[in-house]
């Protein structure tokens, strides 16, 4: 059983780290519903 199954998540990825779409794919396979996904640059 997944901890993220049927949960709603907001994803903020990092341009120099792990981008949002990569995290989104992992979270979707865990059964979560992605509400918002973005990749930002934190300086």
PDB file of N, CA and C in Angstrom:
ATOM      1  N   UNK A   1       0.844  -1.176   0.000  1.00  0.00           N
ATOM      2  CA  UNK A   1       0.000   0.000   0.000  1.00  0.00           C
ATOM      3  C   UNK A   1       0.892   1.243   0.000  1.00  0.00           C
ATOM      4  N   UNK A   2       0.547   2.195  -0.821  1.00  0.00           N
ATOM      5  CA  UNK A   2       1.334   3.422  -0.968  1.00  0.00           C
ATOM      6  C   UNK A   2       0.839   4.508  -0.015  1.00  0.00           C
ATOM      7  N   UNK A   3       1.774   5.266   0.532  1.00  0.00           N
ATOM      8  CA  UNK A   3       1.411   6.377   1.404  1.00  0.00           C
ATOM      9  C   UNK A   3       0.772   7.528   0.631  1.00  0.00           C
ATOM     10  N   UNK A   4       1.017   7.594  -0.684  1.00  0.00           N
ATOM     11  CA  UNK A   4       0.490   8.684  -1.494  1.00  0.00           C
ATOM     12  C   UNK A   4      -0.803   8.330  -2.232  1.00  0.00           C
ATOM     13  N   UNK A   5      -1.277   7.117  -2.109  1.00  0.00           N
ATOM     14  CA  UNK A   5      -2.461   6.688  -2.850  1.00  0.00           C
ATOM     15  C   UNK A   5      -3.660   7.579  -2.512  1.00  0.00           C
ATOM     16  N   UNK A   6      -4.280   8.112  -3.566  1.00  0.00           N
ATOM     17  CA  UNK A   6      -5.465   8.977  -3.472  1.00  0.00           C
ATOM     18  C   UNK A   6      -5.221  10.291  -2.730  1.00  0.00           C
ATOM     19  N   UNK A   7      -3.974  10.737  -2.655  1.00  0.00           N
ATOM     20  CA  UNK A   7      -3.646  12.030  -2.046  1.00  0.00           C
ATOM     21  C   UNK A   7      -3.489  13.064  -3.156  1.00  0.00           C
ATOM     22  N   UNK A   8      -3.702  14.325  -2.843  1.00  0.00           N
ATOM     23  CA  UNK A   8      -3.495  15.425  -3.776  1.00  0.00           C
ATOM     24  C   UNK A   8      -2.173  16.093  -3.412  1.00  0.00           C
ATOM     25  N   UNK A   9      -1.314  16.335  -4.422  1.00  0.00           N
ATOM     26  CA  UNK A   9       0.008  16.897  -4.144  1.00  0.00           C
ATOM     27  C   UNK A   9       0.292  18.107  -5.024  1.00  0.00           C
ATOM     28  N   UNK A  10       1.111  18.991  -4.490  1.00  0.00           N
ATOM     29  CA  UNK A  10       1.639  20.144  -5.211  1.00  0.00           C
ATOM     30  C   UNK A  10       3.145  19.943  -5.278  1.00  0.00           C
ATOM     31  N   UNK A  11       3.715  20.060  -6.476  1.00  0.00           N
ATOM     32  CA  UNK A  11       5.131  19.784  -6.683  1.00  0.00           C
ATOM     33  C   UNK A  11       5.848  21.054  -7.119  1.00  0.00           C
ATOM     34  N   UNK A  12       6.940  21.363  -6.427  1.00  0.00           N
ATOM     35  CA  UNK A  12       7.811  22.469  -6.832  1.00  0.00           C
ATOM     36  C   UNK A  12       9.211  21.898  -6.990  1.00  0.00           C
ATOM     37  N   UNK A  13       9.641  21.753  -8.242  1.00  0.00           N
ATOM     38  CA  UNK A  13      10.964  21.228  -8.526  1.00  0.00           C
ATOM     39  C   UNK A  13      11.992  22.348  -8.600  1.00  0.00           C
ATOM     40  N   UNK A  14      13.246  21.968  -8.684  1.00  0.00           N
ATOM     41  CA  UNK A  14      14.355  22.921  -8.734  1.00  0.00           C
ATOM     42  C   UNK A  14      15.082  22.766 -10.062  1.00  0.00           C
ATOM     43  N   UNK A  15      15.391  23.882 -10.713  1.00  0.00           N
ATOM     44  CA  UNK A  15      16.052  23.846 -12.009  1.00  0.00           C
ATOM     45  C   UNK A  15      17.422  23.173 -11.940  1.00  0.00           C
ATOM     46  N   UNK A  16      18.162  23.404 -10.868  1.00  0.00           N
ATOM     47  CA  UNK A  16      19.494  22.819 -10.726  1.00  0.00           C
ATOM     48  C   UNK A  16      19.469  21.482  -9.989  1.00  0.00           C
ATOM     49  N   UNK A  17      18.311  21.076  -9.528  1.00  0.00           N
ATOM     50  CA  UNK A  17      18.164  19.811  -8.799  1.00  0.00           C
ATOM     51  C   UNK A  17      17.276  18.865  -9.578  1.00  0.00           C
ATOM     52  N   UNK A  18      16.180  18.488  -8.973  1.00  0.00           N
ATOM     53  CA  UNK A  18      15.230  17.580  -9.613  1.00  0.00           C
ATOM     54  C   UNK A  18      14.064  18.406 -10.153  1.00  0.00           C
ATOM     55  N   UNK A  19      13.844  18.394 -11.476  1.00  0.00           N
ATOM     56  CA  UNK A  19      12.765  19.192 -12.061  1.00  0.00           C
ATOM     57  C   UNK A  19      11.379  18.635 -11.715  1.00  0.00           C
ATOM     58  N   UNK A  20      10.397  19.521 -11.732  1.00  0.00           N
ATOM     59  CA  UNK A  20       9.025  19.170 -11.405  1.00  0.00           C
ATOM     60  C   UNK A  20       8.458  17.991 -12.185  1.00  0.00           C
ATOM     61  N   UNK A  21       8.624  17.937 -13.518  1.00  0.00           N
ATOM     62  CA  UNK A  21       8.058  16.810 -14.273  1.00  0.00           C
ATOM     63  C   UNK A  21       8.618  15.448 -13.857  1.00  0.00           C
ATOM     64  N   UNK A  22       9.876  15.402 -13.425  1.00  0.00           N
ATOM     65  CA  UNK A  22      10.460  14.138 -12.970  1.00  0.00           C
ATOM     66  C   UNK A  22       9.807  13.687 -11.663  1.00  0.00           C
ATOM     67  N   UNK A  23       9.598  14.615 -10.753  1.00  0.00           N
ATOM     68  CA  UNK A  23       8.933  14.299  -9.485  1.00  0.00           C
ATOM     69  C   UNK A  23       7.484  13.903  -9.757  1.00  0.00           C
ATOM     70  N   UNK A  24       6.864  14.591 -10.697  1.00  0.00           N
ATOM     71  CA  UNK A  24       5.464  14.309 -11.044  1.00  0.00           C
ATOM     72  C   UNK A  24       5.289  12.869 -11.514  1.00  0.00           C
ATOM     73  N   UNK A  25       6.172  12.384 -12.339  1.00  0.00           N
ATOM     74  CA  UNK A  25       6.071  11.008 -12.837  1.00  0.00           C
ATOM     75  C   UNK A  25       6.173   9.995 -11.698  1.00  0.00           C
ATOM     76  N   UNK A  26       7.076  10.230 -10.780  1.00  0.00           N
ATOM     77  CA  UNK A  26       7.243   9.313  -9.647  1.00  0.00           C
ATOM     78  C   UNK A  26       6.002   9.326  -8.754  1.00  0.00           C
ATOM     79  N   UNK A  27       5.488  10.514  -8.485  1.00  0.00           N
ATOM     80  CA  UNK A  27       4.327  10.653  -7.606  1.00  0.00           C
ATOM     81  C   UNK A  27       3.090  10.020  -8.243  1.00  0.00           C
ATOM     82  N   UNK A  28       2.934  10.171  -9.553  1.00  0.00           N
ATOM     83  CA  UNK A  28       1.788   9.571 -10.238  1.00  0.00           C
ATOM     84  C   UNK A  28       1.841   8.047 -10.166  1.00  0.00           C
ATOM     85  N   UNK A  29       3.031   7.473 -10.303  1.00  0.00           N
ATOM     86  CA  UNK A  29       3.137   6.014 -10.225  1.00  0.00           C
ATOM     87  C   UNK A  29       2.867   5.514  -8.809  1.00  0.00           C
ATOM     88  N   UNK A  30       3.020   6.392  -7.814  1.00  0.00           N
ATOM     89  CA  UNK A  30       2.717   6.030  -6.425  1.00  0.00           C
ATOM     90  C   UNK A  30       1.222   6.164  -6.133  1.00  0.00           C
ATOM     91  N   UNK A  31       0.442   6.666  -7.095  1.00  0.00           N
ATOM     92  CA  UNK A  31      -1.006   6.724  -6.937  1.00  0.00           C
ATOM     93  C   UNK A  31      -1.570   8.067  -6.518  1.00  0.00           C
ATOM     94  N   UNK A  32      -0.749   9.113  -6.485  1.00  0.00           N
ATOM     95  CA  UNK A  32      -1.228  10.436  -6.069  1.00  0.00           C
ATOM     96  C   UNK A  32      -1.818  11.206  -7.246  1.00  0.00           C
ATOM     97  N   UNK A  33      -2.614  12.213  -6.921  1.00  0.00           N
ATOM     98  CA  UNK A  33      -3.214  13.090  -7.915  1.00  0.00           C
ATOM     99  C   UNK A  33      -2.453  14.424  -7.875  1.00  0.00           C
ATOM    100  N   UNK A  34      -1.783  14.764  -8.976  1.00  0.00           N
ATOM    101  CA  UNK A  34      -0.978  15.986  -9.025  1.00  0.00           C
ATOM    102  C   UNK A  34      -1.885  17.171  -9.352  1.00  0.00           C
ATOM    103  N   UNK A  35      -1.947  18.130  -8.434  1.00  0.00           N
ATOM    104  CA  UNK A  35      -2.768  19.321  -8.604  1.00  0.00           C
ATOM    105  C   UNK A  35      -1.992  20.392  -9.370  1.00  0.00           C
ATOM    106  N   UNK A  36      -0.712  20.550  -9.024  1.00  0.00           N
ATOM    107  CA  UNK A  36       0.126  21.590  -9.634  1.00  0.00           C
ATOM    108  C   UNK A  36       1.566  21.098  -9.643  1.00  0.00           C
ATOM    109  N   UNK A  37       2.259  21.358 -10.762  1.00  0.00           N
ATOM    110  CA  UNK A  37       3.658  20.980 -10.879  1.00  0.00           C
ATOM    111  C   UNK A  37       4.412  22.091 -11.591  1.00  0.00           C
ATOM    112  N   UNK A  38       5.547  22.504 -11.030  1.00  0.00           N
ATOM    113  CA  UNK A  38       6.340  23.563 -11.634  1.00  0.00           C
ATOM    114  C   UNK A  38       7.814  23.324 -11.325  1.00  0.00           C
ATOM    115  N   UNK A  39       8.662  23.918 -12.167  1.00  0.00           N
ATOM    116  CA  UNK A  39      10.091  23.916 -11.927  1.00  0.00           C
ATOM    117  C   UNK A  39      10.523  25.362 -11.777  1.00  0.00           C
ATOM    118  N   UNK A  40      11.138  25.670 -10.653  1.00  0.00           N
ATOM    119  CA  UNK A  40      11.549  27.040 -10.330  1.00  0.00           C
ATOM    120  C   UNK A  40      13.061  27.126 -10.214  1.00  0.00           C
ATOM    121  N   UNK A  41      13.566  28.355 -10.286  1.00  0.00           N
ATOM    122  CA  UNK A  41      14.989  28.621 -10.106  1.00  0.00           C
ATOM    123  C   UNK A  41      15.155  29.382  -8.792  1.00  0.00           C
ATOM    124  N   UNK A  42      15.789  28.752  -7.824  1.00  0.00           N
ATOM    125  CA  UNK A  42      16.010  29.380  -6.519  1.00  0.00           C
ATOM    126  C   UNK A  42      17.430  29.905  -6.464  1.00  0.00           C
ATOM    127  N   UNK A  43      17.550  31.225  -6.359  1.00  0.00           N
ATOM    128  CA  UNK A  43      18.875  31.863  -6.334  1.00  0.00           C
ATOM    129  C   UNK A  43      19.128  32.450  -4.981  1.00  0.00           C
TER     130      UNK A  43
END
